[in-house]
Amino acid sequence: ITLFYSRSPKNPEQKIIKRVIALEGDIVKTIGHKNRYVKVPRGHIWVEGDHHGHSFDSNSFGPVSHLVSCY
């Protein structure tokens, strides 16, 4: 399991932790995203929370640059 730790795109004061579901080049079947399937672009990852359909994650804001994560 790989975790993604970053600031929330909705509220930069808040930090989020999500599971990395897919890496660049992978095709993801989404939950509630505007596109049913998404190919993760180069340099990006797809992250999802534990509460499918109720989590603020890539299904809400799309693929995330791998450079955004906090360490």
PDB file of N, CA and C in Angstrom:
ATOM      1  N   ILE A   1       0.858  -1.178   0.000  1.00  0.00           N
ATOM      2  CA  ILE A   1       0.000   0.000   0.000  1.00  0.00           C
ATOM      3  C   ILE A   1       0.895   1.229   0.000  1.00  0.00           C
ATOM      4  N   THR A   2       0.638   2.122  -0.910  1.00  0.00           N
ATOM      5  CA  THR A   2       1.364   3.382  -0.974  1.00  0.00           C
ATOM      6  C   THR A   2       0.404   4.509  -0.632  1.00  0.00           C
ATOM      7  N   LEU A   3       0.816   5.376   0.271  1.00  0.00           N
ATOM      8  CA  LEU A   3      -0.030   6.485   0.687  1.00  0.00           C
ATOM      9  C   LEU A   3       0.472   7.796   0.100  1.00  0.00           C
ATOM     10  N   PHE A   4      -0.456   8.693  -0.136  1.00  0.00           N
ATOM     11  CA  PHE A   4      -0.191  10.026  -0.651  1.00  0.00           C
ATOM     12  C   PHE A   4      -0.535  11.014   0.450  1.00  0.00           C
ATOM     13  N   TYR A   5       0.408  11.878   0.783  1.00  0.00           N
ATOM     14  CA  TYR A   5       0.213  12.856   1.850  1.00  0.00           C
ATOM     15  C   TYR A   5       0.460  14.230   1.262  1.00  0.00           C
ATOM     16  N   SER A   6      -0.544  15.117   1.351  1.00  0.00           N
ATOM     17  CA  SER A   6      -0.416  16.425   0.726  1.00  0.00           C
ATOM     18  C   SER A   6      -1.376  17.418   1.365  1.00  0.00           C
ATOM     19  N   ARG A   7      -1.335  18.625   0.871  1.00  0.00           N
ATOM     20  CA  ARG A   7      -2.324  19.639   1.259  1.00  0.00           C
ATOM     21  C   ARG A   7      -3.557  19.451   0.396  1.00  0.00           C
ATOM     22  N   SER A   8      -4.705  19.713   0.965  1.00  0.00           N
ATOM     23  CA  SER A   8      -5.960  19.582   0.236  1.00  0.00           C
ATOM     24  C   SER A   8      -6.046  20.650  -0.850  1.00  0.00           C
ATOM     25  N   PRO A   9      -6.446  20.274  -2.075  1.00  0.00           N
ATOM     26  CA  PRO A   9      -6.624  21.282  -3.125  1.00  0.00           C
ATOM     27  C   PRO A   9      -7.790  22.230  -2.810  1.00  0.00           C
ATOM     28  N   LYS A  10      -8.699  21.793  -1.963  1.00  0.00           N
ATOM     29  CA  LYS A  10      -9.849  22.616  -1.585  1.00  0.00           C
ATOM     30  C   LYS A  10      -9.482  23.596  -0.471  1.00  0.00           C
ATOM     31  N   ASN A  11      -8.662  23.146   0.479  1.00  0.00           N
ATOM     32  CA  ASN A  11      -8.272  23.959   1.625  1.00  0.00           C
ATOM     33  C   ASN A  11      -6.791  23.704   1.932  1.00  0.00           C
ATOM     34  N   PRO A  12      -5.887  24.573   1.452  1.00  0.00           N
ATOM     35  CA  PRO A  12      -4.449  24.351   1.626  1.00  0.00           C
ATOM     36  C   PRO A  12      -3.990  24.256   3.086  1.00  0.00           C
ATOM     37  N   GLU A  13      -4.808  24.712   4.014  1.00  0.00           N
ATOM     38  CA  GLU A  13      -4.470  24.608   5.440  1.00  0.00           C
ATOM     39  C   GLU A  13      -4.638  23.172   5.946  1.00  0.00           C
ATOM     40  N   GLN A  14      -5.428  22.389   5.234  1.00  0.00           N
ATOM     41  CA  GLN A  14      -5.752  21.021   5.644  1.00  0.00           C
ATOM     42  C   GLN A  14      -4.860  20.032   4.895  1.00  0.00           C
ATOM     43  N   LYS A  15      -4.366  19.034   5.601  1.00  0.00           N
ATOM     44  CA  LYS A  15      -3.570  17.981   4.966  1.00  0.00           C
ATOM     45  C   LYS A  15      -4.462  16.761   4.733  1.00  0.00           C
ATOM     46  N   ILE A  16      -4.182  16.042   3.658  1.00  0.00           N
ATOM     47  CA  ILE A  16      -4.961  14.843   3.331  1.00  0.00           C
ATOM     48  C   ILE A  16      -4.023  13.640   3.172  1.00  0.00           C
ATOM     49  N   ILE A  17      -4.549  12.486   3.474  1.00  0.00           N
ATOM     50  CA  ILE A  17      -3.838  11.227   3.251  1.00  0.00           C
ATOM     51  C   ILE A  17      -4.762  10.342   2.421  1.00  0.00           C
ATOM     52  N   LYS A  18      -4.268   9.876   1.297  1.00  0.00           N
ATOM     53  CA  LYS A  18      -5.045   9.036   0.378  1.00  0.00           C
ATOM     54  C   LYS A  18      -4.198   7.860  -0.074  1.00  0.00           C
ATOM     55  N   ARG A  19      -4.850   6.834  -0.571  1.00  0.00           N
ATOM     56  CA  ARG A  19      -4.154   5.681  -1.146  1.00  0.00           C
ATOM     57  C   ARG A  19      -3.844   5.979  -2.616  1.00  0.00           C
ATOM     58  N   VAL A  20      -2.653   5.611  -3.050  1.00  0.00           N
ATOM     59  CA  VAL A  20      -2.303   5.718  -4.464  1.00  0.00           C
ATOM     60  C   VAL A  20      -2.910   4.506  -5.159  1.00  0.00           C
ATOM     61  N   ILE A  21      -3.829   4.760  -6.071  1.00  0.00           N
ATOM     62  CA  ILE A  21      -4.556   3.694  -6.768  1.00  0.00           C
ATOM     63  C   ILE A  21      -3.911   3.375  -8.117  1.00  0.00           C
ATOM     64  N   ALA A  22      -3.362   4.410  -8.786  1.00  0.00           N
ATOM     65  CA  ALA A  22      -2.788   4.195 -10.114  1.00  0.00           C
ATOM     66  C   ALA A  22      -1.635   5.161 -10.355  1.00  0.00           C
ATOM     67  N   LEU A  23      -0.717   4.737 -11.220  1.00  0.00           N
ATOM     68  CA  LEU A  23       0.438   5.542 -11.606  1.00  0.00           C
ATOM     69  C   LEU A  23       0.288   5.989 -13.055  1.00  0.00           C
ATOM     70  N   GLU A  24       1.199   6.851 -13.496  1.00  0.00           N
ATOM     71  CA  GLU A  24       1.127   7.357 -14.867  1.00  0.00           C
ATOM     72  C   GLU A  24       1.007   6.214 -15.870  1.00  0.00           C
ATOM     73  N   GLY A  25       0.119   6.408 -16.850  1.00  0.00           N
ATOM     74  CA  GLY A  25      -0.101   5.401 -17.884  1.00  0.00           C
ATOM     75  C   GLY A  25      -1.175   4.386 -17.560  1.00  0.00           C
ATOM     76  N   ASP A  26      -1.532   4.261 -16.284  1.00  0.00           N
ATOM     77  CA  ASP A  26      -2.589   3.326 -15.895  1.00  0.00           C
ATOM     78  C   ASP A  26      -3.955   3.886 -16.283  1.00  0.00           C
ATOM     79  N   ILE A  27      -4.903   2.988 -16.530  1.00  0.00           N
ATOM     80  CA  ILE A  27      -6.285   3.390 -16.796  1.00  0.00           C
ATOM     81  C   ILE A  27      -7.120   3.033 -15.578  1.00  0.00           C
ATOM     82  N   VAL A  28      -7.867   4.019 -15.076  1.00  0.00           N
ATOM     83  CA  VAL A  28      -8.643   3.869 -13.847  1.00  0.00           C
ATOM     84  C   VAL A  28     -10.132   3.915 -14.167  1.00  0.00           C
ATOM     85  N   LYS A  29     -10.893   3.002 -13.579  1.00  0.00           N
ATOM     86  CA  LYS A  29     -12.353   3.081 -13.632  1.00  0.00           C
ATOM     87  C   LYS A  29     -12.755   3.976 -12.454  1.00  0.00           C
ATOM     88  N   THR A  30     -13.359   5.102 -12.761  1.00  0.00           N
ATOM     89  CA  THR A  30     -13.621   6.115 -11.744  1.00  0.00           C
ATOM     90  C   THR A  30     -14.970   5.921 -11.051  1.00  0.00           C
ATOM     91  N   ILE A  31     -15.125   6.649  -9.959  1.00  0.00           N
ATOM     92  CA  ILE A  31     -16.382   6.648  -9.196  1.00  0.00           C
ATOM     93  C   ILE A  31     -16.867   8.085  -9.115  1.00  0.00           C
ATOM     94  N   GLY A  32     -17.816   8.455  -9.947  1.00  0.00           N
ATOM     95  CA  GLY A  32     -18.377   9.805  -9.887  1.00  0.00           C
ATOM     96  C   GLY A  32     -17.571  10.873 -10.596  1.00  0.00           C
ATOM     97  N   HIS A  33     -16.480  10.521 -11.243  1.00  0.00           N
ATOM     98  CA  HIS A  33     -15.696  11.496 -12.016  1.00  0.00           C
ATOM     99  C   HIS A  33     -16.444  11.778 -13.309  1.00  0.00           C
ATOM    100  N   LYS A  34     -16.165  12.925 -13.943  1.00  0.00           N
ATOM    101  CA  LYS A  34     -16.870  13.272 -15.176  1.00  0.00           C
ATOM    102  C   LYS A  34     -16.638  12.263 -16.302  1.00  0.00           C
ATOM    103  N   ASN A  35     -15.513  11.562 -16.276  1.00  0.00           N
ATOM    104  CA  ASN A  35     -15.227  10.503 -17.246  1.00  0.00           C
ATOM    105  C   ASN A  35     -15.245   9.149 -16.545  1.00  0.00           C
ATOM    106  N   ARG A  36     -15.856   8.166 -17.156  1.00  0.00           N
ATOM    107  CA  ARG A  36     -15.960   6.822 -16.561  1.00  0.00           C
ATOM    108  C   ARG A  36     -14.590   6.172 -16.396  1.00  0.00           C
ATOM    109  N   TYR A  37     -13.717   6.388 -17.402  1.00  0.00           N
ATOM    110  CA  TYR A  37     -12.356   5.864 -17.349  1.00  0.00           C
ATOM    111  C   TYR A  37     -11.384   7.015 -17.581  1.00  0.00           C
ATOM    112  N   VAL A  38     -10.271   6.994 -16.866  1.00  0.00           N
ATOM    113  CA  VAL A  38      -9.254   8.031 -17.003  1.00  0.00           C
ATOM    114  C   VAL A  38      -7.890   7.363 -17.157  1.00  0.00           C
ATOM    115  N   LYS A  39      -7.128   7.814 -18.150  1.00  0.00           N
ATOM    116  CA  LYS A  39      -5.730   7.382 -18.263  1.00  0.00           C
ATOM    117  C   LYS A  39      -4.901   8.411 -17.496  1.00  0.00           C
ATOM    118  N   VAL A  40      -4.161   7.936 -16.515  1.00  0.00           N
ATOM    119  CA  VAL A  40      -3.369   8.823 -15.671  1.00  0.00           C
ATOM    120  C   VAL A  40      -2.214   9.384 -16.510  1.00  0.00           C
ATOM    121  N   PRO A  41      -2.152  10.738 -16.605  1.00  0.00           N
ATOM    122  CA  PRO A  41      -1.101  11.343 -17.432  1.00  0.00           C
ATOM    123  C   PRO A  41       0.304  11.176 -16.849  1.00  0.00           C
ATOM    124  N   ARG A  42       1.281  11.397 -17.698  1.00  0.00           N
ATOM    125  CA  ARG A  42       2.691  11.302 -17.293  1.00  0.00           C
ATOM    126  C   ARG A  42       2.964  12.268 -16.128  1.00  0.00           C
ATOM    127  N   GLY A  43       3.674  11.779 -15.124  1.00  0.00           N
ATOM    128  CA  GLY A  43       4.046  12.610 -13.983  1.00  0.00           C
ATOM    129  C   GLY A  43       2.934  12.781 -12.952  1.00  0.00           C
ATOM    130  N   HIS A  44       1.852  11.993 -13.081  1.00  0.00           N
ATOM    131  CA  HIS A  44       0.703  12.101 -12.185  1.00  0.00           C
ATOM    132  C   HIS A  44       0.372  10.754 -11.541  1.00  0.00           C
ATOM    133  N   ILE A  45      -0.438  10.815 -10.508  1.00  0.00           N
ATOM    134  CA  ILE A  45      -0.966   9.624  -9.836  1.00  0.00           C
ATOM    135  C   ILE A  45      -2.458   9.808  -9.619  1.00  0.00           C
ATOM    136  N   TRP A  46      -3.150   8.711  -9.355  1.00  0.00           N
ATOM    137  CA  TRP A  46      -4.580   8.732  -9.032  1.00  0.00           C
ATOM    138  C   TRP A  46      -4.704   8.305  -7.583  1.00  0.00           C
ATOM    139  N   VAL A  47      -5.360   9.138  -6.762  1.00  0.00           N
ATOM    140  CA  VAL A  47      -5.487   8.835  -5.331  1.00  0.00           C
ATOM    141  C   VAL A  47      -6.957   8.731  -4.945  1.00  0.00           C
ATOM    142  N   GLU A  48      -7.246   7.855  -3.991  1.00  0.00           N
ATOM    143  CA  GLU A  48      -8.616   7.685  -3.504  1.00  0.00           C
ATOM    144  C   GLU A  48      -8.611   7.504  -1.997  1.00  0.00           C
ATOM    145  N   GLY A  49      -9.694   7.951  -1.373  1.00  0.00           N
ATOM    146  CA  GLY A  49      -9.870   7.792   0.066  1.00  0.00           C
ATOM    147  C   GLY A  49     -10.565   6.486   0.391  1.00  0.00           C
ATOM    148  N   ASP A  50     -10.744   6.236   1.665  1.00  0.00           N
ATOM    149  CA  ASP A  50     -11.367   4.987   2.125  1.00  0.00           C
ATOM    150  C   ASP A  50     -12.874   4.944   1.936  1.00  0.00           C
ATOM    151  N   HIS A  51     -13.516   6.089   1.860  1.00  0.00           N
ATOM    152  CA  HIS A  51     -14.978   6.140   1.782  1.00  0.00           C
ATOM    153  C   HIS A  51     -15.405   6.399   0.336  1.00  0.00           C
ATOM    154  N   HIS A  52     -15.391   5.338  -0.462  1.00  0.00           N
ATOM    155  CA  HIS A  52     -15.717   5.457  -1.888  1.00  0.00           C
ATOM    156  C   HIS A  52     -17.039   6.176  -2.103  1.00  0.00           C
ATOM    157  N   GLY A  53     -17.008   7.168  -2.985  1.00  0.00           N
ATOM    158  CA  GLY A  53     -18.208   7.931  -3.287  1.00  0.00           C
ATOM    159  C   GLY A  53     -18.457   9.076  -2.319  1.00  0.00           C
ATOM    160  N   HIS A  54     -17.736   9.102  -1.186  1.00  0.00           N
ATOM    161  CA  HIS A  54     -17.926  10.163  -0.190  1.00  0.00           C
ATOM    162  C   HIS A  54     -16.599  10.810   0.189  1.00  0.00           C
ATOM    163  N   SER A  55     -15.566  10.562  -0.593  1.00  0.00           N
ATOM    164  CA  SER A  55     -14.228  11.046  -0.271  1.00  0.00           C
ATOM    165  C   SER A  55     -13.818  12.125  -1.266  1.00  0.00           C
ATOM    166  N   PHE A  56     -13.123  13.152  -0.791  1.00  0.00           N
ATOM    167  CA  PHE A  56     -12.578  14.194  -1.663  1.00  0.00           C
ATOM    168  C   PHE A  56     -11.228  13.689  -2.158  1.00  0.00           C
ATOM    169  N   ASP A  57     -11.216  13.151  -3.378  1.00  0.00           N
ATOM    170  CA  ASP A  57     -10.023  12.502  -3.919  1.00  0.00           C
ATOM    171  C   ASP A  57      -9.958  12.724  -5.423  1.00  0.00           C
ATOM    172  N   SER A  58      -9.187  11.921  -6.141  1.00  0.00           N
ATOM    173  CA  SER A  58      -9.047  12.110  -7.587  1.00  0.00           C
ATOM    174  C   SER A  58     -10.376  12.000  -8.332  1.00  0.00           C
ATOM    175  N   ASN A  59     -11.344  11.318  -7.766  1.00  0.00           N
ATOM    176  CA  ASN A  59     -12.666  11.283  -8.394  1.00  0.00           C
ATOM    177  C   ASN A  59     -13.307  12.674  -8.380  1.00  0.00           C
ATOM    178  N   SER A  60     -12.860  13.532  -7.474  1.00  0.00           N
ATOM    179  CA  SER A  60     -13.345  14.912  -7.393  1.00  0.00           C
ATOM    180  C   SER A  60     -12.441  15.883  -8.141  1.00  0.00           C
ATOM    181  N   PHE A  61     -11.113  15.751  -7.959  1.00  0.00           N
ATOM    182  CA  PHE A  61     -10.200  16.745  -8.525  1.00  0.00           C
ATOM    183  C   PHE A  61      -9.271  16.218  -9.612  1.00  0.00           C
ATOM    184  N   GLY A  62      -9.405  14.954  -9.992  1.00  0.00           N
ATOM    185  CA  GLY A  62      -8.618  14.410 -11.092  1.00  0.00           C
ATOM    186  C   GLY A  62      -7.229  13.939 -10.676  1.00  0.00           C
ATOM    187  N   PRO A  63      -6.411  13.562 -11.666  1.00  0.00           N
ATOM    188  CA  PRO A  63      -5.057  13.095 -11.384  1.00  0.00           C
ATOM    189  C   PRO A  63      -4.241  14.191 -10.690  1.00  0.00           C
ATOM    190  N   VAL A  64      -3.293  13.773  -9.859  1.00  0.00           N
ATOM    191  CA  VAL A  64      -2.476  14.699  -9.069  1.00  0.00           C
ATOM    192  C   VAL A  64      -1.019  14.566  -9.506  1.00  0.00           C
ATOM    193  N   SER A  65      -0.344  15.696  -9.658  1.00  0.00           N
ATOM    194  CA  SER A  65       1.078  15.664  -9.969  1.00  0.00           C
ATOM    195  C   SER A  65       1.814  14.976  -8.819  1.00  0.00           C
ATOM    196  N   HIS A  66       2.717  14.085  -9.148  1.00  0.00           N
ATOM    197  CA  HIS A  66       3.476  13.398  -8.097  1.00  0.00           C
ATOM    198  C   HIS A  66       4.400  14.376  -7.362  1.00  0.00           C
ATOM    199  N   LEU A  67       4.575  15.575  -7.885  1.00  0.00           N
ATOM    200  CA  LEU A  67       5.417  16.588  -7.236  1.00  0.00           C
ATOM    201  C   LEU A  67       4.689  17.327  -6.115  1.00  0.00           C
ATOM    202  N   VAL A  68       3.380  17.118  -5.981  1.00  0.00           N
ATOM    203  CA  VAL A  68       2.572  17.834  -5.003  1.00  0.00           C
ATOM    204  C   VAL A  68       2.695  17.243  -3.605  1.00  0.00           C
ATOM    205  N   SER A  69       3.065  15.996  -3.484  1.00  0.00           N
ATOM    206  CA  SER A  69       3.056  15.348  -2.175  1.00  0.00           C
ATOM    207  C   SER A  69       4.038  15.996  -1.199  1.00  0.00           C
ATOM    208  N   CYS A  70       3.678  15.963   0.076  1.00  0.00           N
ATOM    209  CA  CYS A  70       4.497  16.514   1.163  1.00  0.00           C
ATOM    210  C   CYS A  70       5.290  15.378   1.797  1.00  0.00           C
ATOM    211  N   TYR A  71       6.447  15.672   2.302  1.00  0.00           N
ATOM    212  CA  TYR A  71       7.249  14.656   2.986  1.00  0.00           C
ATOM    213  C   TYR A  71       7.567  15.089   4.380  1.00  0.00           C
TER     214      TYR A  71
END
